[in-house]
Amino acid sequence: MFVVIRFKVAAAAQVEFVQRLETAVEVLSRQRGFVAARTGRNADDPELLALSMEWENIGSYRRALSPYEVKMAAVPLLSEAIDEPTAYDSLEAVNLP
């Protein structure tokens, strides 16, 4: 499964925000079930940043948000995300009708 989390961040705040984002990814990457992560800036709207992560399954992702170090380094940043659904099952893993 994968997660796509988007953030709207003013240009003037992006240097500090990206540092916090890198810290959050580093802490999350140490959690069981983590597969990969990447970050990016939207080509059409430079204030729109994204974090994409891949996890073994939804349970791994949800459990990864519980450890103290994640609550301190990642959860505050994730709470600044655009309010929209973030978790996706890969279409290869889903039986479509």
N, C-alpha and C. Protein backbone atom coordinates (compact mmCIF):
# COMPACT_ATOMS: atom_id res chain seq x y z
N MET A 1 0.85 -1.16 0.00
CA MET A 1 0.00 0.00 0.00
C MET A 1 0.89 1.22 0.00
N PHE A 2 0.34 2.33 -0.46
CA PHE A 2 1.12 3.55 -0.46
C PHE A 2 0.31 4.71 0.09
N VAL A 3 1.02 5.72 0.54
CA VAL A 3 0.44 6.89 1.17
C VAL A 3 0.91 8.12 0.40
N VAL A 4 -0.01 9.02 0.12
CA VAL A 4 0.34 10.29 -0.52
C VAL A 4 -0.21 11.40 0.37
N ILE A 5 0.70 12.20 0.90
CA ILE A 5 0.33 13.28 1.80
C ILE A 5 0.81 14.58 1.18
N ARG A 6 -0.12 15.53 1.02
CA ARG A 6 0.22 16.80 0.40
C ARG A 6 0.17 17.93 1.42
N PHE A 7 1.04 18.91 1.20
CA PHE A 7 1.14 20.07 2.08
C PHE A 7 1.16 21.33 1.25
N LYS A 8 0.50 22.37 1.72
CA LYS A 8 0.58 23.70 1.11
C LYS A 8 1.51 24.52 1.98
N VAL A 9 2.68 24.88 1.45
CA VAL A 9 3.71 25.56 2.24
C VAL A 9 4.20 26.79 1.47
N ALA A 10 4.10 27.95 2.08
CA ALA A 10 4.57 29.18 1.45
C ALA A 10 6.06 29.07 1.14
N ALA A 11 6.48 29.68 0.07
CA ALA A 11 7.88 29.60 -0.37
C ALA A 11 8.85 30.01 0.74
N ALA A 12 8.50 31.04 1.48
CA ALA A 12 9.39 31.53 2.54
C ALA A 12 9.55 30.53 3.68
N ALA A 13 8.63 29.61 3.84
CA ALA A 13 8.67 28.64 4.95
C ALA A 13 9.20 27.27 4.51
N GLN A 14 9.53 27.12 3.24
CA GLN A 14 9.86 25.78 2.74
C GLN A 14 11.19 25.23 3.25
N VAL A 15 12.19 26.04 3.45
CA VAL A 15 13.48 25.51 3.92
C VAL A 15 13.30 24.83 5.27
N GLU A 16 12.66 25.52 6.20
CA GLU A 16 12.41 24.95 7.53
C GLU A 16 11.49 23.74 7.45
N PHE A 17 10.46 23.83 6.61
CA PHE A 17 9.51 22.75 6.48
C PHE A 17 10.19 21.49 5.92
N VAL A 18 11.02 21.64 4.91
CA VAL A 18 11.71 20.49 4.31
C VAL A 18 12.65 19.84 5.31
N GLN A 19 13.28 20.62 6.17
CA GLN A 19 14.12 20.03 7.23
C GLN A 19 13.27 19.16 8.15
N ARG A 20 12.11 19.67 8.55
CA ARG A 20 11.19 18.89 9.40
C ARG A 20 10.69 17.65 8.66
N LEU A 21 10.41 17.80 7.38
CA LEU A 21 9.94 16.68 6.57
C LEU A 21 11.01 15.58 6.49
N GLU A 22 12.26 15.97 6.28
CA GLU A 22 13.35 14.99 6.22
C GLU A 22 13.50 14.26 7.55
N THR A 23 13.35 14.97 8.65
CA THR A 23 13.41 14.33 9.97
C THR A 23 12.27 13.34 10.14
N ALA A 24 11.08 13.74 9.73
CA ALA A 24 9.92 12.85 9.84
C ALA A 24 10.12 11.58 9.01
N VAL A 25 10.61 11.73 7.80
CA VAL A 25 10.85 10.56 6.94
C VAL A 25 11.91 9.66 7.55
N GLU A 26 12.95 10.23 8.11
CA GLU A 26 14.01 9.43 8.73
C GLU A 26 13.46 8.60 9.88
N VAL A 27 12.64 9.20 10.72
CA VAL A 27 12.05 8.49 11.86
C VAL A 27 11.08 7.42 11.37
N LEU A 28 10.26 7.75 10.40
CA LEU A 28 9.30 6.78 9.87
C LEU A 28 10.01 5.62 9.17
N SER A 29 11.13 5.90 8.54
CA SER A 29 11.84 4.85 7.80
C SER A 29 12.39 3.77 8.71
N ARG A 30 12.50 4.05 9.99
CA ARG A 30 12.99 3.05 10.95
C ARG A 30 11.88 2.16 11.49
N GLN A 31 10.65 2.41 11.07
CA GLN A 31 9.52 1.64 11.58
C GLN A 31 9.32 0.36 10.77
N ARG A 32 8.86 -0.65 11.45
CA ARG A 32 8.61 -1.96 10.83
C ARG A 32 7.55 -1.82 9.72
N GLY A 33 7.82 -2.41 8.58
CA GLY A 33 6.89 -2.38 7.46
C GLY A 33 7.14 -1.27 6.47
N PHE A 34 8.06 -0.36 6.78
CA PHE A 34 8.39 0.73 5.86
C PHE A 34 9.12 0.16 4.65
N VAL A 35 8.78 0.62 3.46
CA VAL A 35 9.43 0.16 2.24
C VAL A 35 10.23 1.29 1.59
N ALA A 36 9.60 2.43 1.36
CA ALA A 36 10.28 3.52 0.67
C ALA A 36 9.53 4.82 0.88
N ALA A 37 10.22 5.94 0.62
CA ALA A 37 9.60 7.26 0.67
C ALA A 37 10.25 8.17 -0.34
N ARG A 38 9.49 9.13 -0.78
CA ARG A 38 10.04 10.19 -1.63
C ARG A 38 9.26 11.46 -1.38
N THR A 39 9.90 12.57 -1.58
CA THR A 39 9.27 13.87 -1.40
C THR A 39 9.39 14.64 -2.71
N GLY A 40 8.50 15.60 -2.88
CA GLY A 40 8.56 16.38 -4.11
C GLY A 40 7.79 17.67 -4.04
N ARG A 41 8.05 18.50 -5.03
CA ARG A 41 7.37 19.79 -5.18
C ARG A 41 6.56 19.74 -6.48
N ASN A 42 5.35 20.22 -6.44
CA ASN A 42 4.49 20.21 -7.62
C ASN A 42 5.08 21.11 -8.71
N ALA A 43 5.06 20.63 -9.94
CA ALA A 43 5.64 21.37 -11.06
C ALA A 43 4.82 22.62 -11.41
N ASP A 44 3.52 22.61 -11.14
CA ASP A 44 2.67 23.74 -11.49
C ASP A 44 2.39 24.69 -10.34
N ASP A 45 2.49 24.20 -9.13
CA ASP A 45 2.24 25.01 -7.93
C ASP A 45 3.39 24.78 -6.96
N PRO A 46 4.41 25.64 -6.97
CA PRO A 46 5.60 25.41 -6.14
C PRO A 46 5.36 25.46 -4.64
N GLU A 47 4.17 25.87 -4.21
CA GLU A 47 3.86 25.84 -2.78
C GLU A 47 3.24 24.51 -2.36
N LEU A 48 3.02 23.62 -3.30
CA LEU A 48 2.42 22.32 -3.02
C LEU A 48 3.54 21.26 -2.96
N LEU A 49 3.75 20.73 -1.75
CA LEU A 49 4.76 19.70 -1.53
C LEU A 49 4.07 18.38 -1.23
N ALA A 50 4.76 17.28 -1.52
CA ALA A 50 4.15 15.97 -1.29
C ALA A 50 5.15 15.02 -0.65
N LEU A 51 4.62 14.14 0.16
CA LEU A 51 5.36 13.02 0.73
C LEU A 51 4.63 11.76 0.28
N SER A 52 5.36 10.88 -0.37
CA SER A 52 4.80 9.60 -0.80
C SER A 52 5.59 8.50 -0.09
N MET A 53 4.88 7.58 0.54
CA MET A 53 5.53 6.47 1.24
C MET A 53 4.91 5.16 0.82
N GLU A 54 5.71 4.12 0.83
CA GLU A 54 5.22 2.78 0.57
C GLU A 54 5.43 1.95 1.83
N TRP A 55 4.40 1.18 2.19
CA TRP A 55 4.42 0.33 3.37
C TRP A 55 4.01 -1.07 2.98
N GLU A 56 4.41 -2.04 3.77
CA GLU A 56 4.04 -3.43 3.49
C GLU A 56 2.53 -3.61 3.47
N ASN A 57 1.83 -2.94 4.39
CA ASN A 57 0.37 -3.03 4.47
C ASN A 57 -0.15 -1.88 5.31
N ILE A 58 -1.46 -1.71 5.33
CA ILE A 58 -2.07 -0.60 6.07
C ILE A 58 -1.80 -0.70 7.56
N GLY A 59 -1.77 -1.90 8.10
CA GLY A 59 -1.49 -2.08 9.52
C GLY A 59 -0.11 -1.59 9.89
N SER A 60 0.87 -1.87 9.02
CA SER A 60 2.24 -1.39 9.28
C SER A 60 2.28 0.13 9.34
N TYR A 61 1.59 0.77 8.40
CA TYR A 61 1.56 2.23 8.37
C TYR A 61 0.90 2.78 9.64
N ARG A 62 -0.23 2.26 9.99
CA ARG A 62 -0.95 2.76 11.16
C ARG A 62 -0.16 2.53 12.44
N ARG A 63 0.45 1.36 12.57
CA ARG A 63 1.28 1.08 13.76
C ARG A 63 2.51 1.97 13.80
N ALA A 64 3.03 2.33 12.64
CA ALA A 64 4.23 3.17 12.58
C ALA A 64 3.99 4.56 13.15
N LEU A 65 2.76 4.97 13.23
CA LEU A 65 2.44 6.30 13.76
C LEU A 65 2.37 6.33 15.28
N SER A 66 2.50 5.18 15.94
CA SER A 66 2.31 5.09 17.39
C SER A 66 3.56 5.33 18.24
N PRO A 67 4.77 4.94 17.82
CA PRO A 67 5.92 5.10 18.71
C PRO A 67 6.15 6.56 19.11
N TYR A 68 6.69 6.71 20.30
CA TYR A 68 6.93 8.05 20.86
C TYR A 68 7.74 8.94 19.91
N GLU A 69 8.83 8.41 19.36
CA GLU A 69 9.68 9.23 18.50
C GLU A 69 8.93 9.70 17.25
N VAL A 70 8.02 8.89 16.75
CA VAL A 70 7.22 9.28 15.59
C VAL A 70 6.22 10.36 16.00
N LYS A 71 5.60 10.19 17.18
CA LYS A 71 4.66 11.20 17.65
C LYS A 71 5.34 12.55 17.85
N MET A 72 6.61 12.54 18.20
CA MET A 72 7.34 13.79 18.43
C MET A 72 7.85 14.41 17.12
N ALA A 73 8.34 13.59 16.19
CA ALA A 73 9.00 14.12 14.99
C ALA A 73 8.11 14.18 13.76
N ALA A 74 7.19 13.24 13.63
CA ALA A 74 6.42 13.14 12.39
C ALA A 74 4.96 13.58 12.52
N VAL A 75 4.30 13.19 13.58
CA VAL A 75 2.86 13.45 13.69
C VAL A 75 2.55 14.95 13.66
N PRO A 76 3.31 15.82 14.34
CA PRO A 76 2.99 17.26 14.24
C PRO A 76 3.07 17.77 12.80
N LEU A 77 4.06 17.30 12.06
CA LEU A 77 4.20 17.71 10.67
C LEU A 77 3.05 17.14 9.84
N LEU A 78 2.72 15.87 10.03
CA LEU A 78 1.63 15.26 9.27
C LEU A 78 0.29 15.93 9.55
N SER A 79 0.14 16.50 10.72
CA SER A 79 -1.11 17.18 11.06
C SER A 79 -1.29 18.48 10.26
N GLU A 80 -0.23 18.94 9.61
CA GLU A 80 -0.30 20.15 8.78
C GLU A 80 -0.69 19.83 7.34
N ALA A 81 -0.93 18.57 7.05
CA ALA A 81 -1.25 18.15 5.68
C ALA A 81 -2.61 18.66 5.24
N ILE A 82 -2.79 18.71 3.94
CA ILE A 82 -4.09 19.01 3.37
C ILE A 82 -5.05 17.90 3.81
N ASP A 83 -6.23 18.29 4.23
CA ASP A 83 -7.21 17.32 4.76
C ASP A 83 -7.86 16.57 3.60
N GLU A 84 -7.32 15.39 3.33
CA GLU A 84 -7.85 14.53 2.27
C GLU A 84 -7.40 13.09 2.55
N PRO A 85 -8.07 12.10 1.97
CA PRO A 85 -7.64 10.71 2.16
C PRO A 85 -6.21 10.54 1.67
N THR A 86 -5.43 9.71 2.37
CA THR A 86 -4.01 9.58 2.04
C THR A 86 -3.56 8.16 1.74
N ALA A 87 -4.27 7.15 2.21
CA ALA A 87 -3.82 5.76 2.08
C ALA A 87 -4.48 5.10 0.87
N TYR A 88 -3.67 4.41 0.07
CA TYR A 88 -4.14 3.77 -1.14
C TYR A 88 -3.65 2.33 -1.22
N ASP A 89 -4.53 1.45 -1.66
CA ASP A 89 -4.11 0.09 -2.00
C ASP A 89 -3.68 0.10 -3.46
N SER A 90 -2.64 -0.63 -3.76
CA SER A 90 -2.18 -0.76 -5.13
C SER A 90 -3.24 -1.50 -5.93
N LEU A 91 -3.51 -1.05 -7.12
CA LEU A 91 -4.52 -1.72 -7.96
C LEU A 91 -4.12 -3.16 -8.28
N GLU A 92 -2.83 -3.45 -8.30
CA GLU A 92 -2.38 -4.81 -8.54
C GLU A 92 -2.82 -5.74 -7.42
N ALA A 93 -3.01 -5.19 -6.22
CA ALA A 93 -3.37 -6.00 -5.06
C ALA A 93 -4.87 -6.08 -4.83
N VAL A 94 -5.65 -5.33 -5.60
CA VAL A 94 -7.09 -5.26 -5.38
C VAL A 94 -7.80 -6.05 -6.48
N ASN A 95 -8.75 -6.85 -6.09
CA ASN A 95 -9.57 -7.56 -7.08
C ASN A 95 -10.68 -6.64 -7.55
N LEU A 96 -10.51 -6.11 -8.75
CA LEU A 96 -11.53 -5.21 -9.31
C LEU A 96 -12.67 -6.02 -9.90
N PRO A 97 -13.89 -5.48 -9.86
CA PRO A 97 -15.04 -6.21 -10.42
C PRO A 97 -14.91 -6.43 -11.91
